């Protein structure tokens, strides 16, 4: 009977050892899953920050271009207005003379 008792004790000890191994494996698995989740969240945050920085850079570029375009168009407009004023001042005498000639000429 001592031998039967020894066998049962041996089985119980083996069962406890197996339970410890299973528990250790579960803990290790949970640890790896937690670590993987943290790494994934870190990668997502880095990617999000990179995309946000790229978006802000593009917004700044297009906003800067828009302001530069407005300023360039204003300068071009001012130059054209100045040119038209100069040209109108230069030919205004000739235009007035031509109009007077046509108004004062009587046709039958």
N, C-alpha and C. Protein backbone atom coordinates (compact mmCIF):
# COMPACT_ATOMS: atom_id res chain seq x y z
N UNK A 1 0.80 -1.19 0.00
CA UNK A 1 0.00 0.00 0.00
C UNK A 1 0.85 1.27 0.00
N UNK A 2 1.99 1.12 0.58
CA UNK A 2 2.91 2.23 0.59
C UNK A 2 3.30 2.62 -0.83
N UNK A 3 3.41 1.58 -1.64
CA UNK A 3 3.77 1.81 -3.02
C UNK A 3 2.66 2.54 -3.76
N UNK A 4 1.42 2.23 -3.51
CA UNK A 4 0.25 2.89 -4.09
C UNK A 4 0.17 4.34 -3.63
N UNK A 5 0.46 4.56 -2.38
CA UNK A 5 0.45 5.92 -1.82
C UNK A 5 1.57 6.74 -2.47
N UNK A 6 2.71 6.11 -2.67
CA UNK A 6 3.83 6.78 -3.33
C UNK A 6 3.47 7.16 -4.77
N UNK A 7 2.79 6.31 -5.45
CA UNK A 7 2.37 6.55 -6.84
C UNK A 7 1.41 7.73 -6.90
N UNK A 8 0.46 7.77 -5.94
CA UNK A 8 -0.51 8.87 -5.91
C UNK A 8 0.21 10.19 -5.61
N UNK A 9 1.12 10.14 -4.65
CA UNK A 9 1.89 11.34 -4.32
C UNK A 9 2.71 11.81 -5.53
N UNK A 10 3.26 10.86 -6.24
CA UNK A 10 4.05 11.18 -7.43
C UNK A 10 3.16 11.80 -8.51
N UNK A 11 1.98 11.25 -8.68
CA UNK A 11 1.03 11.81 -9.65
C UNK A 11 0.59 13.21 -9.26
N UNK A 12 0.29 13.40 -7.96
CA UNK A 12 -0.11 14.73 -7.49
C UNK A 12 1.02 15.74 -7.69
N UNK A 13 2.23 15.34 -7.40
CA UNK A 13 3.37 16.24 -7.60
C UNK A 13 3.54 16.56 -9.08
N UNK A 14 3.38 15.59 -9.95
CA UNK A 14 3.50 15.81 -11.39
C UNK A 14 2.39 16.73 -11.88
N UNK A 15 1.18 16.53 -11.33
CA UNK A 15 0.05 17.39 -11.71
C UNK A 15 0.32 18.83 -11.28
N UNK A 16 0.83 19.03 -10.07
CA UNK A 16 1.14 20.38 -9.59
C UNK A 16 2.24 21.02 -10.45
N UNK A 17 3.23 20.24 -10.79
CA UNK A 17 4.31 20.76 -11.63
C UNK A 17 3.78 21.16 -13.00
N UNK A 18 2.90 20.33 -13.55
CA UNK A 18 2.30 20.64 -14.85
C UNK A 18 1.46 21.91 -14.75
N UNK A 19 0.73 22.06 -13.63
CA UNK A 19 -0.08 23.26 -13.43
C UNK A 19 0.82 24.50 -13.35
N UNK A 20 1.96 24.39 -12.67
CA UNK A 20 2.90 25.51 -12.59
C UNK A 20 3.45 25.86 -13.97
N UNK A 21 3.74 24.82 -14.77
CA UNK A 21 4.26 25.05 -16.13
C UNK A 21 3.21 25.76 -16.98
N UNK A 22 1.95 25.29 -16.87
CA UNK A 22 0.85 25.91 -17.64
C UNK A 22 0.66 27.35 -17.20
N UNK A 23 0.67 27.60 -15.89
CA UNK A 23 0.51 28.97 -15.37
C UNK A 23 1.64 29.88 -15.83
N UNK A 24 2.87 29.34 -15.81
CA UNK A 24 4.02 30.13 -16.26
C UNK A 24 3.89 30.46 -17.75
N UNK A 25 3.43 29.48 -18.53
CA UNK A 25 3.25 29.70 -19.96
C UNK A 25 2.17 30.75 -20.22
N UNK A 26 1.08 30.69 -19.45
CA UNK A 26 0.01 31.70 -19.60
C UNK A 26 0.53 33.08 -19.25
N UNK A 27 1.28 33.18 -18.17
CA UNK A 27 1.83 34.47 -17.76
C UNK A 27 2.78 35.01 -18.83
N UNK A 28 3.62 34.12 -19.35
CA UNK A 28 4.56 34.54 -20.40
C UNK A 28 3.81 35.01 -21.65
N UNK A 29 2.75 34.29 -21.99
CA UNK A 29 1.96 34.65 -23.16
C UNK A 29 1.31 36.01 -22.95
N UNK A 30 0.73 36.22 -21.78
CA UNK A 30 0.10 37.51 -21.49
C UNK A 30 1.13 38.63 -21.52
N UNK A 31 2.32 38.35 -21.00
CA UNK A 31 3.39 39.35 -21.04
C UNK A 31 3.78 39.71 -22.46
N UNK A 32 3.91 38.68 -23.31
CA UNK A 32 4.26 38.93 -24.72
C UNK A 32 3.15 39.70 -25.43
N UNK A 33 1.89 39.35 -25.15
CA UNK A 33 0.77 40.07 -25.76
C UNK A 33 0.75 41.53 -25.32
N UNK A 34 1.01 41.76 -24.05
CA UNK A 34 1.03 43.12 -23.53
C UNK A 34 2.16 43.91 -24.18
N UNK A 35 3.33 43.29 -24.29
CA UNK A 35 4.47 43.94 -24.92
C UNK A 35 4.20 44.25 -26.39
N UNK A 36 3.59 43.29 -27.08
CA UNK A 36 3.26 43.49 -28.50
C UNK A 36 2.26 44.64 -28.66
N UNK A 37 1.29 44.70 -27.76
CA UNK A 37 0.30 45.77 -27.81
C UNK A 37 0.96 47.12 -27.58
N UNK A 38 1.86 47.21 -26.60
CA UNK A 38 2.55 48.46 -26.32
C UNK A 38 3.43 48.89 -27.50
N UNK A 39 4.11 47.93 -28.12
CA UNK A 39 4.94 48.25 -29.28
C UNK A 39 4.09 48.72 -30.45
N UNK A 40 2.94 48.08 -30.64
CA UNK A 40 2.05 48.48 -31.73
C UNK A 40 1.52 49.89 -31.47
N UNK A 41 1.14 50.18 -30.24
CA UNK A 41 0.64 51.52 -29.92
C UNK A 41 1.73 52.57 -30.13
N UNK A 42 2.96 52.22 -29.79
CA UNK A 42 4.09 53.14 -29.99
C UNK A 42 4.29 53.40 -31.48
N UNK A 43 4.26 52.33 -32.28
CA UNK A 43 4.42 52.48 -33.73
C UNK A 43 3.29 53.32 -34.32
N UNK A 44 2.08 53.10 -33.84
CA UNK A 44 0.93 53.87 -34.33
C UNK A 44 1.11 55.34 -33.98
N UNK A 45 1.54 55.63 -32.76
CA UNK A 45 1.75 57.02 -32.34
C UNK A 45 2.85 57.68 -33.18
N UNK A 46 3.93 56.96 -33.45
CA UNK A 46 5.01 57.50 -34.28
C UNK A 46 4.51 57.77 -35.70
N UNK A 47 3.75 56.82 -36.25
CA UNK A 47 3.22 56.98 -37.60
C UNK A 47 2.26 58.16 -37.65
N UNK A 48 1.40 58.27 -36.65
CA UNK A 48 0.44 59.37 -36.60
C UNK A 48 1.18 60.71 -36.53
N UNK A 49 2.22 60.77 -35.69
CA UNK A 49 3.00 62.00 -35.57
C UNK A 49 3.68 62.35 -36.89
N UNK A 50 4.20 61.33 -37.57
CA UNK A 50 4.86 61.55 -38.86
C UNK A 50 3.85 62.07 -39.89
N UNK A 51 2.68 61.46 -39.95
CA UNK A 51 1.65 61.90 -40.90
C UNK A 51 1.17 63.31 -40.57
N UNK A 52 1.02 63.62 -39.30
CA UNK A 52 0.58 64.95 -38.88
C UNK A 52 1.63 65.99 -39.26
N UNK A 53 2.91 65.66 -39.05
CA UNK A 53 3.99 66.59 -39.41
C UNK A 53 4.00 66.83 -40.93
N UNK A 54 3.82 65.76 -41.69
CA UNK A 54 3.79 65.90 -43.15
C UNK A 54 2.59 66.74 -43.59
N UNK A 55 1.45 66.52 -42.95
CA UNK A 55 0.25 67.30 -43.26
C UNK A 55 0.47 68.78 -42.95
N UNK A 56 1.04 69.06 -41.76
CA UNK A 56 1.29 70.45 -41.37
C UNK A 56 2.28 71.11 -42.33
N UNK A 57 3.29 70.34 -42.79
CA UNK A 57 4.27 70.88 -43.74
C UNK A 57 3.58 71.24 -45.05
N UNK A 58 2.70 70.35 -45.52
CA UNK A 58 1.99 70.62 -46.78
C UNK A 58 1.04 71.81 -46.64
N UNK A 59 0.38 71.90 -45.49
CA UNK A 59 -0.51 73.04 -45.25
C UNK A 59 0.30 74.33 -45.25
N UNK A 60 1.46 74.30 -44.60
CA UNK A 60 2.31 75.49 -44.55
C UNK A 60 2.80 75.86 -45.95
N UNK A 61 3.15 74.85 -46.74
CA UNK A 61 3.62 75.12 -48.11
C UNK A 61 2.52 75.75 -48.94
N UNK A 62 1.33 75.18 -48.89
CA UNK A 62 0.25 75.72 -49.72
C UNK A 62 -0.22 77.06 -49.21
N UNK A 63 -0.20 77.27 -47.90
CA UNK A 63 -0.58 78.57 -47.36
C UNK A 63 0.45 79.60 -47.75
N UNK A 64 1.71 79.23 -47.66
CA UNK A 64 2.77 80.14 -48.05
C UNK A 64 2.68 80.49 -49.52
N UNK A 65 2.42 79.49 -50.34
CA UNK A 65 2.27 79.71 -51.77
C UNK A 65 1.09 80.63 -52.05
N UNK A 66 0.02 80.43 -51.33
CA UNK A 66 -1.18 81.24 -51.52
C UNK A 66 -0.87 82.69 -51.22
N UNK A 67 -0.20 82.94 -50.11
CA UNK A 67 0.17 84.30 -49.76
C UNK A 67 1.13 84.89 -50.77
N UNK A 68 2.08 84.09 -51.23
CA UNK A 68 3.04 84.56 -52.23
C UNK A 68 2.32 84.85 -53.55
N UNK A 69 1.35 83.99 -53.90
CA UNK A 69 0.60 84.20 -55.14
C UNK A 69 -0.22 85.48 -55.07
N UNK A 70 -0.84 85.72 -53.93
CA UNK A 70 -1.64 86.95 -53.78
C UNK A 70 -0.74 88.17 -53.91
N UNK A 71 0.40 88.12 -53.27
CA UNK A 71 1.33 89.26 -53.33
C UNK A 71 1.84 89.45 -54.76
N UNK A 72 2.18 88.37 -55.43
CA UNK A 72 2.66 88.45 -56.81
C UNK A 72 1.58 89.03 -57.71
N UNK A 73 0.34 88.56 -57.54
CA UNK A 73 -0.76 89.08 -58.36
C UNK A 73 -1.01 90.56 -58.10
N UNK A 74 -0.90 90.98 -56.85
CA UNK A 74 -1.07 92.40 -56.53
C UNK A 74 0.02 93.23 -57.21
N UNK A 75 1.25 92.73 -57.18
CA UNK A 75 2.35 93.46 -57.83
C UNK A 75 2.14 93.54 -59.34
N UNK A 76 1.73 92.43 -59.94
CA UNK A 76 1.48 92.43 -61.39
C UNK A 76 0.35 93.39 -61.74
N UNK A 77 -0.69 93.39 -60.92
CA UNK A 77 -1.83 94.28 -61.16
C UNK A 77 -1.40 95.74 -61.07
N UNK A 78 -0.63 96.06 -60.04
CA UNK A 78 -0.14 97.43 -59.89
C UNK A 78 0.74 97.83 -61.08
N UNK A 79 1.57 96.91 -61.54
CA UNK A 79 2.43 97.21 -62.69
C UNK A 79 1.59 97.46 -63.94
N UNK A 80 0.56 96.67 -64.14
CA UNK A 80 -0.31 96.85 -65.31
C UNK A 80 -1.08 98.16 -65.22
N UNK A 81 -1.56 98.49 -64.04
CA UNK A 81 -2.28 99.77 -63.85
C UNK A 81 -1.34 100.93 -64.16
N UNK A 82 -0.12 100.84 -63.64
CA UNK A 82 0.87 101.90 -63.88
C UNK A 82 1.16 102.03 -65.38
N UNK A 83 1.33 100.90 -66.06
CA UNK A 83 1.58 100.90 -67.50
C UNK A 83 0.41 101.53 -68.26
N UNK A 84 -0.82 101.15 -67.89
CA UNK A 84 -2.00 101.71 -68.58
C UNK A 84 -2.11 103.21 -68.35
N UNK A 85 -1.82 103.67 -67.15
CA UNK A 85 -1.86 105.12 -66.88
C UNK A 85 -0.82 105.85 -67.71
N UNK A 86 0.38 105.28 -67.80
CA UNK A 86 1.42 105.90 -68.61
C UNK A 86 1.02 105.97 -70.08
N UNK A 87 0.49 104.85 -70.59
CA UNK A 87 0.09 104.80 -72.00
C UNK A 87 -1.07 105.76 -72.27
N UNK A 88 -2.03 105.79 -71.36
CA UNK A 88 -3.17 106.69 -71.59
C UNK A 88 -2.72 108.15 -71.53
N UNK A 89 -1.79 108.45 -70.62
CA UNK A 89 -1.25 109.82 -70.58
C UNK A 89 -0.48 110.16 -71.84
N UNK A 90 0.23 109.21 -72.39
CA UNK A 90 1.03 109.44 -73.59
C UNK A 90 0.18 109.68 -74.83
N UNK A 91 -0.94 108.95 -74.96
CA UNK A 91 -1.74 109.07 -76.20
C UNK A 91 -3.01 109.89 -76.01
N UNK A 92 -3.24 110.43 -74.83
CA UNK A 92 -4.49 111.16 -74.60
C UNK A 92 -4.63 112.38 -75.52
N UNK A 93 -3.55 113.08 -75.76
CA UNK A 93 -3.62 114.25 -76.64
C UNK A 93 -4.06 113.83 -78.03
N UNK A 94 -3.46 112.74 -78.56
CA UNK A 94 -3.82 112.26 -79.89
C UNK A 94 -5.28 111.82 -79.95
N UNK A 95 -5.76 111.17 -78.93
CA UNK A 95 -7.15 110.72 -78.90
C UNK A 95 -8.09 111.92 -78.88
N UNK A 96 -7.76 112.92 -78.09
CA UNK A 96 -8.61 114.12 -78.02
C UNK A 96 -8.65 114.81 -79.38
N UNK A 97 -7.53 114.93 -80.04
CA UNK A 97 -7.48 115.55 -81.36
C UNK A 97 -8.32 114.77 -82.37
N UNK A 98 -8.22 113.47 -82.33
CA UNK A 98 -8.99 112.64 -83.26
C UNK A 98 -10.49 112.81 -82.99
N UNK A 99 -10.90 112.83 -81.74
CA UNK A 99 -12.31 113.01 -81.42
C UNK A 99 -12.81 114.38 -81.86
N UNK A 100 -12.01 115.39 -81.62
CA UNK A 100 -12.42 116.74 -82.05
C UNK A 100 -12.56 116.81 -83.56
N UNK A 101 -11.66 116.19 -84.28
CA UNK A 101 -11.71 116.19 -85.74
C UNK A 101 -13.01 115.52 -86.21
N UNK A 102 -13.35 114.39 -85.60
CA UNK A 102 -14.57 113.68 -86.02
C UNK A 102 -15.83 114.43 -85.62
N UNK A 103 -15.81 115.08 -84.50
CA UNK A 103 -17.01 115.79 -84.02
C UNK A 103 -17.21 117.08 -84.85
N UNK A 104 -16.13 117.71 -85.20
CA UNK A 104 -16.28 118.98 -85.90
C UNK A 104 -16.37 118.84 -87.41
N UNK A 105 -16.12 117.69 -87.95
CA UNK A 105 -16.21 117.48 -89.39
C UNK A 105 -17.67 117.20 -89.75
N UNK A 106 -18.15 117.96 -90.70
CA UNK A 106 -19.53 117.81 -91.14
C UNK A 106 -19.53 117.07 -92.48
N UNK A 107 -20.31 116.05 -92.55
CA UNK A 107 -20.44 115.28 -93.78
C UNK A 107 -21.80 115.53 -94.36
N UNK A 108 -21.86 115.62 -95.68
CA UNK A 108 -23.13 115.85 -96.36
C UNK A 108 -23.76 114.59 -96.82
